[in-house]
Amino acid sequence: MNALASSTYRLDDITEVDAAAMRGLFADVFGKPMSAAFRQWKYRPGAGHGIGVWQGDALVAHYGGVG
């Protein structure tokens, strides 16, 4: 069994409900905030998609793109 399968991590889509967690992670990693307006523009329906890795209730990784 690999470490990921036996851990408390889960992979899930990032939705509007997760916006604050995603912006908080961005600020922690890059040392500056992402505005709510920019996040709404980048991940608006049909424009962008994000995937997150959660450990318990904490978002610990994010991968997102537009296109």
PDB file of N, CA and C in Angstrom:
ATOM      1  N   MET A   1       0.853  -1.172   0.000  1.00  0.00           N
ATOM      2  CA  MET A   1       0.000   0.000   0.000  1.00  0.00           C
ATOM      3  C   MET A   1       0.901   1.237   0.000  1.00  0.00           C
ATOM      4  N   ASN A   2       0.575   2.228  -0.836  1.00  0.00           N
ATOM      5  CA  ASN A   2       1.397   3.441  -0.857  1.00  0.00           C
ATOM      6  C   ASN A   2       0.966   4.401   0.252  1.00  0.00           C
ATOM      7  N   ALA A   3       1.828   5.379   0.530  1.00  0.00           N
ATOM      8  CA  ALA A   3       1.590   6.310   1.645  1.00  0.00           C
ATOM      9  C   ALA A   3       0.322   7.133   1.435  1.00  0.00           C
ATOM     10  N   LEU A   4       0.053   7.531   0.192  1.00  0.00           N
ATOM     11  CA  LEU A   4      -1.123   8.359  -0.067  1.00  0.00           C
ATOM     12  C   LEU A   4      -2.409   7.589   0.220  1.00  0.00           C
ATOM     13  N   ALA A   5      -2.444   6.335  -0.142  1.00  0.00           N
ATOM     14  CA  ALA A   5      -3.645   5.538   0.070  1.00  0.00           C
ATOM     15  C   ALA A   5      -3.932   5.320   1.550  1.00  0.00           C
ATOM     16  N   SER A   6      -2.900   5.308   2.367  1.00  0.00           N
ATOM     17  CA  SER A   6      -3.111   5.039   3.782  1.00  0.00           C
ATOM     18  C   SER A   6      -3.170   6.306   4.625  1.00  0.00           C
ATOM     19  N   SER A   7      -3.119   7.460   3.986  1.00  0.00           N
ATOM     20  CA  SER A   7      -3.117   8.727   4.720  1.00  0.00           C
ATOM     21  C   SER A   7      -4.517   9.329   4.773  1.00  0.00           C
ATOM     22  N   THR A   8      -4.585  10.521   5.319  1.00  0.00           N
ATOM     23  CA  THR A   8      -5.855  11.228   5.411  1.00  0.00           C
ATOM     24  C   THR A   8      -6.027  12.240   4.287  1.00  0.00           C
ATOM     25  N   TYR A   9      -5.251  12.135   3.229  1.00  0.00           N
ATOM     26  CA  TYR A   9      -5.369  13.055   2.103  1.00  0.00           C
ATOM     27  C   TYR A   9      -6.549  12.675   1.225  1.00  0.00           C
ATOM     28  N   ARG A  10      -7.169  13.706   0.643  1.00  0.00           N
ATOM     29  CA  ARG A  10      -8.193  13.442  -0.370  1.00  0.00           C
ATOM     30  C   ARG A  10      -8.056  14.468  -1.488  1.00  0.00           C
ATOM     31  N   LEU A  11      -8.338  14.059  -2.681  1.00  0.00           N
ATOM     32  CA  LEU A  11      -8.292  14.889  -3.871  1.00  0.00           C
ATOM     33  C   LEU A  11      -9.720  15.270  -4.229  1.00  0.00           C
ATOM     34  N   ASP A  12      -9.947  16.557  -4.498  1.00  0.00           N
ATOM     35  CA  ASP A  12     -11.307  16.999  -4.798  1.00  0.00           C
ATOM     36  C   ASP A  12     -11.263  18.265  -5.641  1.00  0.00           C
ATOM     37  N   ASP A  13     -12.326  18.496  -6.389  1.00  0.00           N
ATOM     38  CA  ASP A  13     -12.456  19.743  -7.141  1.00  0.00           C
ATOM     39  C   ASP A  13     -12.519  20.923  -6.177  1.00  0.00           C
ATOM     40  N   ILE A  14     -11.969  22.046  -6.609  1.00  0.00           N
ATOM     41  CA  ILE A  14     -12.099  23.297  -5.870  1.00  0.00           C
ATOM     42  C   ILE A  14     -13.354  23.992  -6.408  1.00  0.00           C
ATOM     43  N   THR A  15     -14.253  24.330  -5.512  1.00  0.00           N
ATOM     44  CA  THR A  15     -15.488  25.008  -5.906  1.00  0.00           C
ATOM     45  C   THR A  15     -15.524  26.388  -5.248  1.00  0.00           C
ATOM     46  N   GLU A  16     -16.558  27.120  -5.533  1.00  0.00           N
ATOM     47  CA  GLU A  16     -16.720  28.456  -4.939  1.00  0.00           C
ATOM     48  C   GLU A  16     -16.725  28.383  -3.415  1.00  0.00           C
ATOM     49  N   VAL A  17     -17.240  27.306  -2.874  1.00  0.00           N
ATOM     50  CA  VAL A  17     -17.263  27.109  -1.414  1.00  0.00           C
ATOM     51  C   VAL A  17     -15.841  27.087  -0.842  1.00  0.00           C
ATOM     52  N   ASP A  18     -14.872  26.661  -1.651  1.00  0.00           N
ATOM     53  CA  ASP A  18     -13.487  26.529  -1.212  1.00  0.00           C
ATOM     54  C   ASP A  18     -12.623  27.754  -1.510  1.00  0.00           C
ATOM     55  N   ALA A  19     -13.236  28.823  -2.013  1.00  0.00           N
ATOM     56  CA  ALA A  19     -12.482  29.996  -2.460  1.00  0.00           C
ATOM     57  C   ALA A  19     -11.591  30.575  -1.362  1.00  0.00           C
ATOM     58  N   ALA A  20     -12.099  30.707  -0.159  1.00  0.00           N
ATOM     59  CA  ALA A  20     -11.303  31.296   0.926  1.00  0.00           C
ATOM     60  C   ALA A  20     -10.105  30.413   1.267  1.00  0.00           C
ATOM     61  N   ALA A  21     -10.290  29.111   1.275  1.00  0.00           N
ATOM     62  CA  ALA A  21      -9.177  28.194   1.563  1.00  0.00           C
ATOM     63  C   ALA A  21      -8.122  28.266   0.464  1.00  0.00           C
ATOM     64  N   MET A  22      -8.560  28.340  -0.775  1.00  0.00           N
ATOM     65  CA  MET A  22      -7.627  28.414  -1.897  1.00  0.00           C
ATOM     66  C   MET A  22      -6.842  29.724  -1.865  1.00  0.00           C
ATOM     67  N   ARG A  23      -7.514  30.823  -1.579  1.00  0.00           N
ATOM     68  CA  ARG A  23      -6.827  32.113  -1.506  1.00  0.00           C
ATOM     69  C   ARG A  23      -5.877  32.164  -0.305  1.00  0.00           C
ATOM     70  N   GLY A  24      -6.259  31.524   0.798  1.00  0.00           N
ATOM     71  CA  GLY A  24      -5.377  31.452   1.962  1.00  0.00           C
ATOM     72  C   GLY A  24      -4.121  30.662   1.663  1.00  0.00           C
ATOM     73  N   LEU A  25      -4.268  29.534   0.987  1.00  0.00           N
ATOM     74  CA  LEU A  25      -3.101  28.733   0.599  1.00  0.00           C
ATOM     75  C   LEU A  25      -2.199  29.528  -0.337  1.00  0.00           C
ATOM     76  N   PHE A  26      -2.789  30.235  -1.285  1.00  0.00           N
ATOM     77  CA  PHE A  26      -2.018  31.071  -2.208  1.00  0.00           C
ATOM     78  C   PHE A  26      -1.174  32.081  -1.429  1.00  0.00           C
ATOM     79  N   ALA A  27      -1.786  32.761  -0.479  1.00  0.00           N
ATOM     80  CA  ALA A  27      -1.065  33.758   0.331  1.00  0.00           C
ATOM     81  C   ALA A  27       0.049  33.111   1.147  1.00  0.00           C
ATOM     82  N   ASP A  28      -0.205  31.937   1.709  1.00  0.00           N
ATOM     83  CA  ASP A  28       0.828  31.233   2.480  1.00  0.00           C
ATOM     84  C   ASP A  28       2.018  30.859   1.612  1.00  0.00           C
ATOM     85  N   VAL A  29       1.756  30.402   0.400  1.00  0.00           N
ATOM     86  CA  VAL A  29       2.819  29.928  -0.489  1.00  0.00           C
ATOM     87  C   VAL A  29       3.572  31.080  -1.147  1.00  0.00           C
ATOM     88  N   PHE A  30       2.854  32.076  -1.646  1.00  0.00           N
ATOM     89  CA  PHE A  30       3.479  33.141  -2.436  1.00  0.00           C
ATOM     90  C   PHE A  30       3.748  34.421  -1.645  1.00  0.00           C
ATOM     91  N   GLY A  31       3.269  34.480  -0.408  1.00  0.00           N
ATOM     92  CA  GLY A  31       3.553  35.635   0.432  1.00  0.00           C
ATOM     93  C   GLY A  31       2.798  36.890   0.071  1.00  0.00           C
ATOM     94  N   LYS A  32       1.779  36.768  -0.741  1.00  0.00           N
ATOM     95  CA  LYS A  32       0.936  37.912  -1.088  1.00  0.00           C
ATOM     96  C   LYS A  32      -0.462  37.393  -1.377  1.00  0.00           C
ATOM     97  N   PRO A  33      -1.468  38.214  -1.162  1.00  0.00           N
ATOM     98  CA  PRO A  33      -2.841  37.737  -1.341  1.00  0.00           C
ATOM     99  C   PRO A  33      -3.260  37.675  -2.806  1.00  0.00           C
ATOM    100  N   MET A  34      -4.240  36.833  -3.065  1.00  0.00           N
ATOM    101  CA  MET A  34      -4.938  36.840  -4.347  1.00  0.00           C
ATOM    102  C   MET A  34      -6.289  37.494  -4.072  1.00  0.00           C
ATOM    103  N   SER A  35      -6.626  38.506  -4.818  1.00  0.00           N
ATOM    104  CA  SER A  35      -7.898  39.187  -4.574  1.00  0.00           C
ATOM    105  C   SER A  35      -9.067  38.269  -4.923  1.00  0.00           C
ATOM    106  N   ALA A  36     -10.162  38.497  -4.243  1.00  0.00           N
ATOM    107  CA  ALA A  36     -11.376  37.728  -4.536  1.00  0.00           C
ATOM    108  C   ALA A  36     -11.815  37.963  -5.979  1.00  0.00           C
ATOM    109  N   ALA A  37     -11.679  39.183  -6.456  1.00  0.00           N
ATOM    110  CA  ALA A  37     -12.084  39.507  -7.827  1.00  0.00           C
ATOM    111  C   ALA A  37     -11.241  38.747  -8.851  1.00  0.00           C
ATOM    112  N   PHE A  38      -9.926  38.652  -8.628  1.00  0.00           N
ATOM    113  CA  PHE A  38      -9.067  37.914  -9.556  1.00  0.00           C
ATOM    114  C   PHE A  38      -9.409  36.433  -9.547  1.00  0.00           C
ATOM    115  N   ARG A  39      -9.632  35.880  -8.353  1.00  0.00           N
ATOM    116  CA  ARG A  39      -9.989  34.471  -8.251  1.00  0.00           C
ATOM    117  C   ARG A  39     -11.308  34.191  -8.970  1.00  0.00           C
ATOM    118  N   GLN A  40     -12.284  35.079  -8.806  1.00  0.00           N
ATOM    119  CA  GLN A  40     -13.576  34.905  -9.480  1.00  0.00           C
ATOM    120  C   GLN A  40     -13.421  34.980 -10.994  1.00  0.00           C
ATOM    121  N   TRP A  41     -12.552  35.874 -11.472  1.00  0.00           N
ATOM    122  CA  TRP A  41     -12.316  35.985 -12.913  1.00  0.00           C
ATOM    123  C   TRP A  41     -11.623  34.730 -13.438  1.00  0.00           C
ATOM    124  N   LYS A  42     -10.559  34.320 -12.768  1.00  0.00           N
ATOM    125  CA  LYS A  42      -9.760  33.200 -13.261  1.00  0.00           C
ATOM    126  C   LYS A  42     -10.527  31.883 -13.249  1.00  0.00           C
ATOM    127  N   TYR A  43     -11.320  31.660 -12.230  1.00  0.00           N
ATOM    128  CA  TYR A  43     -12.017  30.382 -12.079  1.00  0.00           C
ATOM    129  C   TYR A  43     -13.519  30.487 -12.325  1.00  0.00           C
ATOM    130  N   ARG A  44     -13.931  31.471 -13.110  1.00  0.00           N
ATOM    131  CA  ARG A  44     -15.350  31.595 -13.445  1.00  0.00           C
ATOM    132  C   ARG A  44     -15.782  30.377 -14.257  1.00  0.00           C
ATOM    133  N   PRO A  45     -17.069  30.052 -14.233  1.00  0.00           N
ATOM    134  CA  PRO A  45     -17.550  28.875 -14.959  1.00  0.00           C
ATOM    135  C   PRO A  45     -17.147  28.894 -16.429  1.00  0.00           C
ATOM    136  N   GLY A  46     -16.565  27.797 -16.872  1.00  0.00           N
ATOM    137  CA  GLY A  46     -16.146  27.665 -18.259  1.00  0.00           C
ATOM    138  C   GLY A  46     -14.773  28.218 -18.565  1.00  0.00           C
ATOM    139  N   ALA A  47     -14.132  28.893 -17.612  1.00  0.00           N
ATOM    140  CA  ALA A  47     -12.830  29.504 -17.879  1.00  0.00           C
ATOM    141  C   ALA A  47     -11.676  28.772 -17.205  1.00  0.00           C
ATOM    142  N   GLY A  48     -11.858  28.352 -15.976  1.00  0.00           N
ATOM    143  CA  GLY A  48     -10.768  27.712 -15.252  1.00  0.00           C
ATOM    144  C   GLY A  48     -11.263  26.578 -14.387  1.00  0.00           C
ATOM    145  N   HIS A  49     -10.328  25.745 -13.984  1.00  0.00           N
ATOM    146  CA  HIS A  49     -10.672  24.602 -13.147  1.00  0.00           C
ATOM    147  C   HIS A  49      -9.551  24.383 -12.144  1.00  0.00           C
ATOM    148  N   GLY A  50      -9.923  24.054 -10.925  1.00  0.00           N
ATOM    149  CA  GLY A  50      -8.932  23.799  -9.880  1.00  0.00           C
ATOM    150  C   GLY A  50      -9.193  22.478  -9.177  1.00  0.00           C
ATOM    151  N   ILE A  51      -8.108  21.827  -8.807  1.00  0.00           N
ATOM    152  CA  ILE A  51      -8.136  20.586  -8.040  1.00  0.00           C
ATOM    153  C   ILE A  51      -7.369  20.850  -6.752  1.00  0.00           C
ATOM    154  N   GLY A  52      -7.859  20.329  -5.649  1.00  0.00           N
ATOM    155  CA  GLY A  52      -7.178  20.519  -4.377  1.00  0.00           C
ATOM    156  C   GLY A  52      -6.875  19.205  -3.691  1.00  0.00           C
ATOM    157  N   VAL A  53      -5.837  19.231  -2.863  1.00  0.00           N
ATOM    158  CA  VAL A  53      -5.524  18.120  -1.980  1.00  0.00           C
ATOM    159  C   VAL A  53      -5.808  18.604  -0.568  1.00  0.00           C
ATOM    160  N   TRP A  54      -6.649  17.875   0.131  1.00  0.00           N
ATOM    161  CA  TRP A  54      -7.076  18.218   1.472  1.00  0.00           C
ATOM    162  C   TRP A  54      -6.494  17.214   2.454  1.00  0.00           C
ATOM    163  N   GLN A  55      -6.027  17.710   3.578  1.00  0.00           N
ATOM    164  CA  GLN A  55      -5.619  16.855   4.694  1.00  0.00           C
ATOM    165  C   GLN A  55      -6.541  17.236   5.845  1.00  0.00           C
ATOM    166  N   GLY A  56      -7.492  16.376   6.127  1.00  0.00           N
ATOM    167  CA  GLY A  56      -8.540  16.746   7.069  1.00  0.00           C
ATOM    168  C   GLY A  56      -9.334  17.895   6.478  1.00  0.00           C
ATOM    169  N   ASP A  57      -9.465  18.975   7.221  1.00  0.00           N
ATOM    170  CA  ASP A  57     -10.197  20.147   6.750  1.00  0.00           C
ATOM    171  C   ASP A  57      -9.302  21.200   6.102  1.00  0.00           C
ATOM    172  N   ALA A  58      -8.001  20.931   5.999  1.00  0.00           N
ATOM    173  CA  ALA A  58      -7.057  21.923   5.489  1.00  0.00           C
ATOM    174  C   ALA A  58      -6.690  21.647   4.035  1.00  0.00           C
ATOM    175  N   LEU A  59      -6.764  22.677   3.214  1.00  0.00           N
ATOM    176  CA  LEU A  59      -6.282  22.599   1.837  1.00  0.00           C
ATOM    177  C   LEU A  59      -4.763  22.705   1.883  1.00  0.00           C
ATOM    178  N   VAL A  60      -4.055  21.675   1.403  1.00  0.00           N
ATOM    179  CA  VAL A  60      -2.590  21.658   1.484  1.00  0.00           C
ATOM    180  C   VAL A  60      -1.913  21.751   0.129  1.00  0.00           C
ATOM    181  N   ALA A  61      -2.678  21.600  -0.958  1.00  0.00           N
ATOM    182  CA  ALA A  61      -2.119  21.741  -2.294  1.00  0.00           C
ATOM    183  C   ALA A  61      -3.239  22.102  -3.267  1.00  0.00           C
ATOM    184  N   HIS A  62      -2.862  22.836  -4.303  1.00  0.00           N
ATOM    185  CA  HIS A  62      -3.838  23.269  -5.313  1.00  0.00           C
ATOM    186  C   HIS A  62      -3.168  23.252  -6.661  1.00  0.00           C
ATOM    187  N   TYR A  63      -3.896  22.788  -7.672  1.00  0.00           N
ATOM    188  CA  TYR A  63      -3.447  22.853  -9.048  1.00  0.00           C
ATOM    189  C   TYR A  63      -4.600  23.412  -9.847  1.00  0.00           C
ATOM    190  N   GLY A  64      -4.356  24.482 -10.552  1.00  0.00           N
ATOM    191  CA  GLY A  64      -5.423  25.098 -11.322  1.00  0.00           C
ATOM    192  C   GLY A  64      -4.931  25.607 -12.663  1.00  0.00           C
ATOM    193  N   GLY A  65      -5.841  25.743 -13.568  1.00  0.00           N
ATOM    194  CA  GLY A  65      -5.483  26.248 -14.880  1.00  0.00           C
ATOM    195  C   GLY A  65      -6.683  26.870 -15.566  1.00  0.00           C
ATOM    196  N   VAL A  66      -6.399  27.556 -16.632  1.00  0.00           N
ATOM    197  CA  VAL A  66      -7.438  28.181 -17.452  1.00  0.00           C
ATOM    198  C   VAL A  66      -7.311  27.643 -18.866  1.00  0.00           C
ATOM    199  N   GLY A  67      -8.392  27.736 -19.563  1.00  0.00           N
ATOM    200  CA  GLY A  67      -8.295  27.291 -20.950  1.00  0.00           C
ATOM    201  C   GLY A  67      -9.573  26.782 -21.510  1.00  0.00           C
TER     202      GLY A  67
END
